[in-house]
C-alpha atoms as a PDB file:
ATOM      1  CA  MET A   1     140.545 -92.411 271.317  1.00  0.00           C
ATOM      2  CA  PRO A   2     140.866 -94.713 268.110  1.00  0.00           C
ATOM      3  CA  ALA A   3     138.594 -94.503 265.150  1.00  0.00           C
ATOM      4  CA  PRO A   4     135.725 -97.223 266.566  1.00  0.00           C
ATOM      5  CA  PRO A   5     135.484-100.128 263.472  1.00  0.00           C
ATOM      6  CA  ALA A   6     132.648 -99.643 261.093  1.00  0.00           C
ATOM      7  CA  HIS A   7     129.762-101.134 261.136  1.00  0.00           C
ATOM      8  CA  ASP A   8     127.781-102.502 257.932  1.00  0.00           C
ATOM      9  CA  PRO A   9     124.379-100.304 258.251  1.00  0.00           C
ATOM     10  CA  SER A  10     122.213-102.252 256.120  1.00  0.00           C
ATOM     11  CA  LEU A  11     122.443-105.100 259.437  1.00  0.00           C
ATOM     12  CA  LEU A  12     118.222-106.138 260.867  1.00  0.00           C
ATOM     13  CA  ALA A  13     117.556-106.142 264.296  1.00  0.00           C
ATOM     14  CA  GLY A  14     115.361-108.788 264.022  1.00  0.00           C
ATOM     15  CA  GLY A  15     116.141-112.256 263.027  1.00  0.00           C
ATOM     16  CA  THR A  16     118.605-115.094 264.187  1.00  0.00           C
ATOM     17  CA  ALA A  17     121.816-112.764 263.535  1.00  0.00           C
ATOM     18  CA  GLY A  18     119.717-109.744 264.828  1.00  0.00           C
ATOM     19  CA  PRO A  19     121.491-110.169 268.511  1.00  0.00           C
ATOM     20  CA  ARG A  20     124.878-110.511 267.212  1.00  0.00           C
ATOM     21  CA  ALA A  21     124.517-106.969 264.852  1.00  0.00           C
ATOM     22  CA  LEU A  22     122.831-104.932 267.970  1.00  0.00           C
ATOM     23  CA  ARG A  23     125.327-105.828 270.728  1.00  0.00           C
ATOM     24  CA  PRO A  24     127.936-103.137 269.184  1.00  0.00           C
ATOM     25  CA  LEU A  25     125.487-100.430 268.929  1.00  0.00           C
ATOM     26  CA  LEU A  26     124.029-100.845 272.344  1.00  0.00           C
ATOM     27  CA  ASP A  27     128.140-101.001 273.767  1.00  0.00           C
ATOM     28  CA  THR A  28     128.288 -97.642 272.183  1.00  0.00           C
ATOM     29  CA  VAL A  29     124.932 -95.938 273.287  1.00  0.00           C
ATOM     30  CA  LEU A  30     125.384 -97.228 276.848  1.00  0.00           C
ATOM     31  CA  GLY A  31     129.096 -95.855 276.901  1.00  0.00           C
ATOM     32  CA  ALA A  32     127.784 -92.388 275.615  1.00  0.00           C
ATOM     33  CA  LEU A  33     125.215 -92.634 278.467  1.00  0.00           C
ATOM     34  CA  ALA A  34     127.226 -92.674 280.759  1.00  0.00           C
ATOM     35  CA  GLU A  35     129.708 -89.570 279.069  1.00  0.00           C
ATOM     36  CA  GLY A  36     126.488 -87.719 278.680  1.00  0.00           C
ATOM     37  CA  ALA A  37     125.251 -88.224 282.178  1.00  0.00           C
ATOM     38  CA  ALA A  38     128.663 -87.553 283.700  1.00  0.00           C
ATOM     39  CA  ALA A  39     128.864 -84.521 281.908  1.00  0.00           C
ATOM     40  CA  ARG A  40     125.664 -83.035 282.381  1.00  0.00           C
ATOM     41  CA  CYS A  41     126.357 -83.375 286.711  1.00  0.00           C
ATOM     42  CA  GLY A  42     122.742 -82.335 287.746  1.00  0.00           C
ATOM     43  CA  PRO A  43     118.516 -82.719 286.513  1.00  0.00           C
ATOM     44  CA  LEU A  44     119.219 -80.362 283.874  1.00  0.00           C
ATOM     45  CA  PRO A  45     121.628 -78.861 281.315  1.00  0.00           C
ATOM     46  CA  ALA A  46     123.461 -75.777 282.973  1.00  0.00           C
ATOM     47  CA  GLY A  47     123.542 -72.835 280.564  1.00  0.00           C
ATOM     48  CA  GLY A  48     120.343 -72.298 279.480  1.00  0.00           C
ATOM     49  CA  PRO A  49     119.058 -72.442 275.795  1.00  0.00           C
ATOM     50  CA  GLU A  50     121.749 -70.563 273.925  1.00  0.00           C
ATOM     51  CA  VAL A  51     124.371 -73.248 275.333  1.00  0.00           C
ATOM     52  CA  VAL A  52     122.259 -76.358 274.621  1.00  0.00           C
ATOM     53  CA  ARG A  53     121.750 -74.916 271.441  1.00  0.00           C
ATOM     54  CA  ARG A  54     125.681 -74.698 270.868  1.00  0.00           C
ATOM     55  CA  ARG A  55     126.551 -77.329 272.380  1.00  0.00           C
ATOM     56  CA  LEU A  56     124.502 -79.652 269.754  1.00  0.00           C
ATOM     57  CA  ALA A  57     125.963 -77.385 266.929  1.00  0.00           C
ATOM     58  CA  GLU A  58     128.753 -78.198 267.837  1.00  0.00           C
ATOM     59  CA  ALA A  59     128.046 -82.567 268.145  1.00  0.00           C
ATOM     60  CA  ALA A  60     125.892 -82.439 265.397  1.00  0.00           C
ATOM     61  CA  PRO A  61     126.624 -79.286 262.806  1.00  0.00           C
ATOM     62  CA  GLU A  62     124.844 -78.978 259.718  1.00  0.00           C
ATOM     63  CA  PRO A  63     123.297 -80.066 257.603  1.00  0.00           C
ATOM     64  CA  ALA A  64     121.328 -82.078 260.269  1.00  0.00           C
ATOM     65  CA  ILE A  65     120.834 -84.640 257.387  1.00  0.00           C
ATOM     66  CA  PRO A  66     124.097 -84.647 255.570  1.00  0.00           C
ATOM     67  CA  ASP A  67     124.476 -86.717 252.305  1.00  0.00           C
ATOM     68  CA  HIS A  68     127.210 -88.453 254.054  1.00  0.00           C
ATOM     69  CA  GLY A  69     127.348 -90.201 257.065  1.00  0.00           C
ATOM     70  CA  ALA A  70     130.157 -90.152 259.380  1.00  0.00           C
ATOM     71  CA  GLY A  71     128.960 -94.075 259.778  1.00  0.00           C
ATOM     72  CA  ALA A  72     126.561 -95.699 262.402  1.00  0.00           C
ATOM     73  CA  LEU A  73     128.702 -96.026 265.441  1.00  0.00           C
ATOM     74  CA  PRO A  74     130.262 -92.073 265.512  1.00  0.00           C
ATOM     75  CA  ALA A  75     127.143 -91.011 264.736  1.00  0.00           C
ATOM     76  CA  LEU A  76     125.356 -92.841 267.442  1.00  0.00           C
ATOM     77  CA  HIS A  77     127.835 -91.793 269.852  1.00  0.00           C
ATOM     78  CA  GLN A  78     127.934 -88.284 268.934  1.00  0.00           C
ATOM     79  CA  LEU A  79     124.776 -88.037 269.471  1.00  0.00           C
ATOM     80  CA  VAL A  80     123.926 -90.106 272.195  1.00  0.00           C
ATOM     81  CA  ARG A  81     126.477 -88.503 273.857  1.00  0.00           C
ATOM     82  CA  ALA A  82     124.905 -84.809 273.218  1.00  0.00           C
ATOM     83  CA  LEU A  83     121.394 -85.539 274.170  1.00  0.00           C
ATOM     84  CA  ALA A  84     122.605 -86.764 276.943  1.00  0.00           C
ATOM     85  CA  GLU A  85     124.457 -84.194 278.116  1.00  0.00           C
ATOM     86  CA  GLY A  86     121.559 -81.636 277.415  1.00  0.00           C
ATOM     87  CA  ALA A  87     118.932 -83.801 278.934  1.00  0.00           C
ATOM     88  CA  ALA A  88     116.708 -83.410 281.672  1.00  0.00           C
ATOM     89  CA  ASP A  89     116.975 -86.606 282.949  1.00  0.00           C
ATOM     90  CA  PRO A  90     113.976 -87.410 285.566  1.00  0.00           C
ATOM     91  CA  ALA A  91     115.718 -89.590 287.537  1.00  0.00           C
ATOM     92  CA  ASP A  92     118.291 -87.321 289.282  1.00  0.00           C
ATOM     93  CA  PRO A  93     117.025 -87.281 292.475  1.00  0.00           C
ATOM     94  CA  HIS A  94     116.716 -83.595 291.816  1.00  0.00           C
ATOM     95  CA  CYS A  95     114.367 -83.062 289.502  1.00  0.00           C
ATOM     96  CA  ALA A  96     110.538 -82.692 289.556  1.00  0.00           C
ATOM     97  CA  ALA A  97     109.268 -83.485 286.024  1.00  0.00           C
ATOM     98  CA  HIS A  98     106.210 -82.412 284.323  1.00  0.00           C
ATOM     99  CA  LEU A  99     104.749 -85.414 283.414  1.00  0.00           C
ATOM    100  CA  HIS A 100     107.133 -87.822 282.374  1.00  0.00           C
ATOM    101  CA  CYS A 101     108.698 -90.194 285.276  1.00  0.00           C
ATOM    102  CA  PRO A 102     112.486 -91.801 285.596  1.00  0.00           C
ATOM    103  CA  PRO A 103     111.832 -95.321 283.340  1.00  0.00           C
ATOM    104  CA  LEU A 104     113.127 -98.425 285.195  1.00  0.00           C
ATOM    105  CA  ALA A 105     116.092-100.173 283.886  1.00  0.00           C
ATOM    106  CA  VAL A 106     113.809-103.303 283.541  1.00  0.00           C
ATOM    107  CA  ALA A 107     111.276-100.998 280.866  1.00  0.00           C
ATOM    108  CA  VAL A 108     114.314 -99.912 278.532  1.00  0.00           C
ATOM    109  CA  ALA A 109     115.329-103.513 278.132  1.00  0.00           C
ATOM    110  CA  ALA A 110     111.595-104.591 277.007  1.00  0.00           C
ATOM    111  CA  ASP A 111     111.328-101.619 274.664  1.00  0.00           C
ATOM    112  CA  LEU A 112     114.672-103.074 273.505  1.00  0.00           C
ATOM    113  CA  ALA A 113     113.056-106.522 272.862  1.00  0.00           C
ATOM    114  CA  ALA A 114     109.962-104.948 271.241  1.00  0.00           C
ATOM    115  CA  SER A 115     111.439-102.681 268.734  1.00  0.00           C
ATOM    116  CA  ALA A 116     113.793-105.381 268.109  1.00  0.00           C
ATOM    117  CA  LEU A 117     110.728-107.242 267.126  1.00  0.00           C
ATOM    118  CA  ASN A 118     108.711-104.730 265.825  1.00  0.00           C
ATOM    119  CA  PRO A 119     105.446-106.038 266.282  1.00  0.00           C
ATOM    120  CA  SER A 120     102.745-104.866 264.297  1.00  0.00           C
ATOM    121  CA  LEU A 121      99.306-105.712 266.072  1.00  0.00           C
ATOM    122  CA  ASP A 122      97.002-104.674 263.325  1.00  0.00           C
ATOM    123  CA  SER A 123      96.025-108.184 262.779  1.00  0.00           C
ATOM    124  CA  TRP A 124      97.193-111.730 264.284  1.00  0.00           C
ATOM    125  CA  ASP A 125      99.477-112.815 261.458  1.00  0.00           C
ATOM    126  CA  GLN A 126     101.576-109.989 262.058  1.00  0.00           C
ATOM    127  CA  ALA A 127     102.287-110.432 265.941  1.00  0.00           C
ATOM    128  CA  PRO A 128     101.259-113.503 266.670  1.00  0.00           C
ATOM    129  CA  ALA A 129     102.849-114.109 270.666  1.00  0.00           C
ATOM    130  CA  ALA A 130     102.512-110.674 270.935  1.00  0.00           C
ATOM    131  CA  SER A 131      98.128-110.354 269.991  1.00  0.00           C
ATOM    132  CA  GLU A 132      97.512-113.260 272.696  1.00  0.00           C
ATOM    133  CA  LEU A 133     100.093-111.240 275.415  1.00  0.00           C
ATOM    134  CA  GLU A 134      98.237-108.157 274.525  1.00  0.00           C
ATOM    135  CA  ASP A 135      94.558-110.000 275.060  1.00  0.00           C
ATOM    136  CA  ARG A 136      95.864-111.618 277.871  1.00  0.00           C
ATOM    137  CA  ILE A 137      96.967-108.483 280.083  1.00  0.00           C
ATOM    138  CA  SER A 138      93.587-106.430 278.608  1.00  0.00           C
ATOM    139  CA  ARG A 139      91.180-108.593 279.854  1.00  0.00           C
ATOM    140  CA  GLU A 140      92.999-109.028 283.517  1.00  0.00           C
ATOM    141  CA  LEU A 141      93.668-105.452 283.785  1.00  0.00           C
ATOM    142  CA  ALA A 142      89.853-104.942 282.428  1.00  0.00           C
ATOM    143  CA  ALA A 143      89.221-107.682 285.398  1.00  0.00           C
ATOM    144  CA  LEU A 144      90.755-105.743 288.183  1.00  0.00           C
ATOM    145  CA  VAL A 145      88.330-102.882 287.332  1.00  0.00           C
ATOM    146  CA  HIS A 146      85.206-105.019 286.792  1.00  0.00           C
ATOM    147  CA  PRO A 147      85.156-107.791 288.662  1.00  0.00           C
ATOM    148  CA  ALA A 148      81.537-108.166 288.709  1.00  0.00           C
ATOM    149  CA  GLY A 149      81.640-107.855 285.191  1.00  0.00           C
ATOM    150  CA  PRO A 150      80.596-111.150 282.684  1.00  0.00           C
ATOM    151  CA  ASP A 151      83.133-110.519 280.469  1.00  0.00           C
ATOM    152  CA  PRO A 152      85.598-107.484 281.051  1.00  0.00           C
ATOM    153  CA  HIS A 153      88.094-106.384 278.261  1.00  0.00           C
ATOM    154  CA  ALA A 154      90.208-103.307 278.244  1.00  0.00           C
ATOM    155  CA  LEU A 155      91.482-101.745 275.370  1.00  0.00           C
ATOM    156  CA  ILE A 156      95.340-100.645 275.685  1.00  0.00           C
ATOM    157  CA  THR A 157      96.075 -96.947 274.296  1.00  0.00           C
ATOM    158  CA  THR A 158      98.659 -94.837 273.807  1.00  0.00           C
ATOM    159  CA  GLY A 159      97.935 -92.221 276.668  1.00  0.00           C
ATOM    160  CA  GLY A 160      95.600 -89.868 277.907  1.00  0.00           C
ATOM    161  CA  THR A 161      94.077 -88.201 275.290  1.00  0.00           C
ATOM    162  CA  GLU A 162      93.776 -91.403 272.902  1.00  0.00           C
ATOM    163  CA  SER A 163      91.403 -92.981 275.946  1.00  0.00           C
ATOM    164  CA  ASN A 164      89.428 -89.619 276.263  1.00  0.00           C
ATOM    165  CA  LEU A 165      88.735 -89.862 272.485  1.00  0.00           C
ATOM    166  CA  LEU A 166      87.765 -93.580 272.882  1.00  0.00           C
ATOM    167  CA  GLY A 167      85.934 -93.145 276.023  1.00  0.00           C
ATOM    168  CA  ALA A 168      83.798 -90.049 274.085  1.00  0.00           C
ATOM    169  CA  LEU A 169      83.569 -92.529 271.244  1.00  0.00           C
ATOM    170  CA  LEU A 170      81.737 -95.512 273.210  1.00  0.00           C
ATOM    171  CA  ALA A 171      79.333 -92.955 274.675  1.00  0.00           C
ATOM    172  CA  ARG A 172      78.481 -91.116 271.425  1.00  0.00           C
ATOM    173  CA  GLU A 173      78.096 -94.984 269.806  1.00  0.00           C
ATOM    174  CA  HIS A 174      75.841 -96.746 273.318  1.00  0.00           C
ATOM    175  CA  HIS A 175      73.951 -93.267 273.661  1.00  0.00           C
ATOM    176  CA  GLY A 176      73.271 -93.432 269.524  1.00  0.00           C
ATOM    177  CA  ARG A 177      73.253 -90.421 267.872  1.00  0.00           C
ATOM    178  CA  GLY A 178      69.879 -88.934 266.649  1.00  0.00           C
ATOM    179  CA  ALA A 179      68.669 -85.565 267.221  1.00  0.00           C
ATOM    180  CA  ASP A 180      66.383 -86.916 269.936  1.00  0.00           C
ATOM    181  CA  ARG A 181      69.805 -88.576 271.085  1.00  0.00           C
ATOM    182  CA  GLN A 182      72.489 -85.743 271.212  1.00  0.00           C
ATOM    183  CA  LEU A 183      74.875 -86.353 273.768  1.00  0.00           C
ATOM    184  CA  THR A 184      77.077 -83.860 276.281  1.00  0.00           C
ATOM    185  CA  VAL A 185      80.045 -84.364 277.581  1.00  0.00           C
ATOM    186  CA  ILE A 186      80.459 -82.871 281.122  1.00  0.00           C
ATOM    187  CA  CYS A 187      83.683 -81.678 282.512  1.00  0.00           C
ATOM    188  CA  GLY A 188      85.886 -79.859 285.360  1.00  0.00           C
ATOM    189  CA  ALA A 189      87.691 -76.463 284.831  1.00  0.00           C
ATOM    190  CA  ASN A 190      91.022 -78.101 285.113  1.00  0.00           C
ATOM    191  CA  ALA A 191      90.145 -81.591 282.489  1.00  0.00           C
ATOM    192  CA  HIS A 192      92.634 -82.117 279.991  1.00  0.00           C
ATOM    193  CA  HIS A 193      92.398 -80.373 277.117  1.00  0.00           C
ATOM    194  CA  SER A 194      92.250 -83.216 274.996  1.00  0.00           C
ATOM    195  CA  VAL A 195      88.355 -83.411 276.037  1.00  0.00           C
ATOM    196  CA  HIS A 196      87.352 -80.561 274.453  1.00  0.00           C
ATOM    197  CA  ARG A 197      89.122 -81.486 271.778  1.00  0.00           C
ATOM    198  CA  ALA A 198      87.882 -85.301 271.356  1.00  0.00           C
ATOM    199  CA  ALA A 199      84.725 -83.236 271.311  1.00  0.00           C
ATOM    200  CA  TRP A 200      85.024 -81.465 268.192  1.00  0.00           C
ATOM    201  CA  LEU A 201      86.125 -84.491 266.239  1.00  0.00           C
ATOM    202  CA  LEU A 202      83.073 -86.634 266.987  1.00  0.00           C
ATOM    203  CA  GLY A 203      80.897 -83.610 266.369  1.00  0.00           C
ATOM    204  CA  LEU A 204      79.429 -83.614 269.749  1.00  0.00           C
ATOM    205  CA  PRO A 205      78.593 -79.813 270.962  1.00  0.00           C
ATOM    206  CA  ALA A 206      81.228 -78.379 273.652  1.00  0.00           C
ATOM    207  CA  PRO A 207      81.738 -79.939 276.992  1.00  0.00           C
ATOM    208  CA  GLN A 208      79.578 -78.189 279.651  1.00  0.00           C
ATOM    209  CA  VAL A 209      82.674 -76.918 281.905  1.00  0.00           C
ATOM    210  CA  LEU A 210      82.283 -76.948 285.569  1.00  0.00           C
ATOM    211  CA  PRO A 211      83.962 -75.484 288.152  1.00  0.00           C
END
């Protein structure tokens, strides 16, 4: 197999030249994903931890962060193929994932656009269109949950752990923090551990656990 052409590592993903810089990288990644999935041939890599460790060591010999790399395209092909071959694939019909779902192709393509644009939603000036879109989507989601609310709004979080912390924080701020208004969280015995951590982080008493 001939060596792939060199790729300038200083090229950026954004701007007018971004798509042109991304194309050879994406072709390399897609090819490596296909090769790795074909080699895995199932929902999990065969052989267990020792075999996976050995294969990964062969694909990425030490040091994992070398002083001089092989180049963007060879490194991408080598590592992505090794990761795909050693992956747990939630898209395989024989895979019962613990938590993560099989991602839709359209979602992965959208992730590419989000990564290339890298909008920072800290403030409007860093992501004008993305900020407006987030505001519209969060308001529409809130209206679905509280259709009778006068002006429902929502906040999109990174997951359940952050959501539980935010919910406990809002409850604490709404109900006050005085000595005579101490908030206590009540949860089931099977509640996620982040509920207990949220109470601890916010200085609340340990949750009352119900069976």
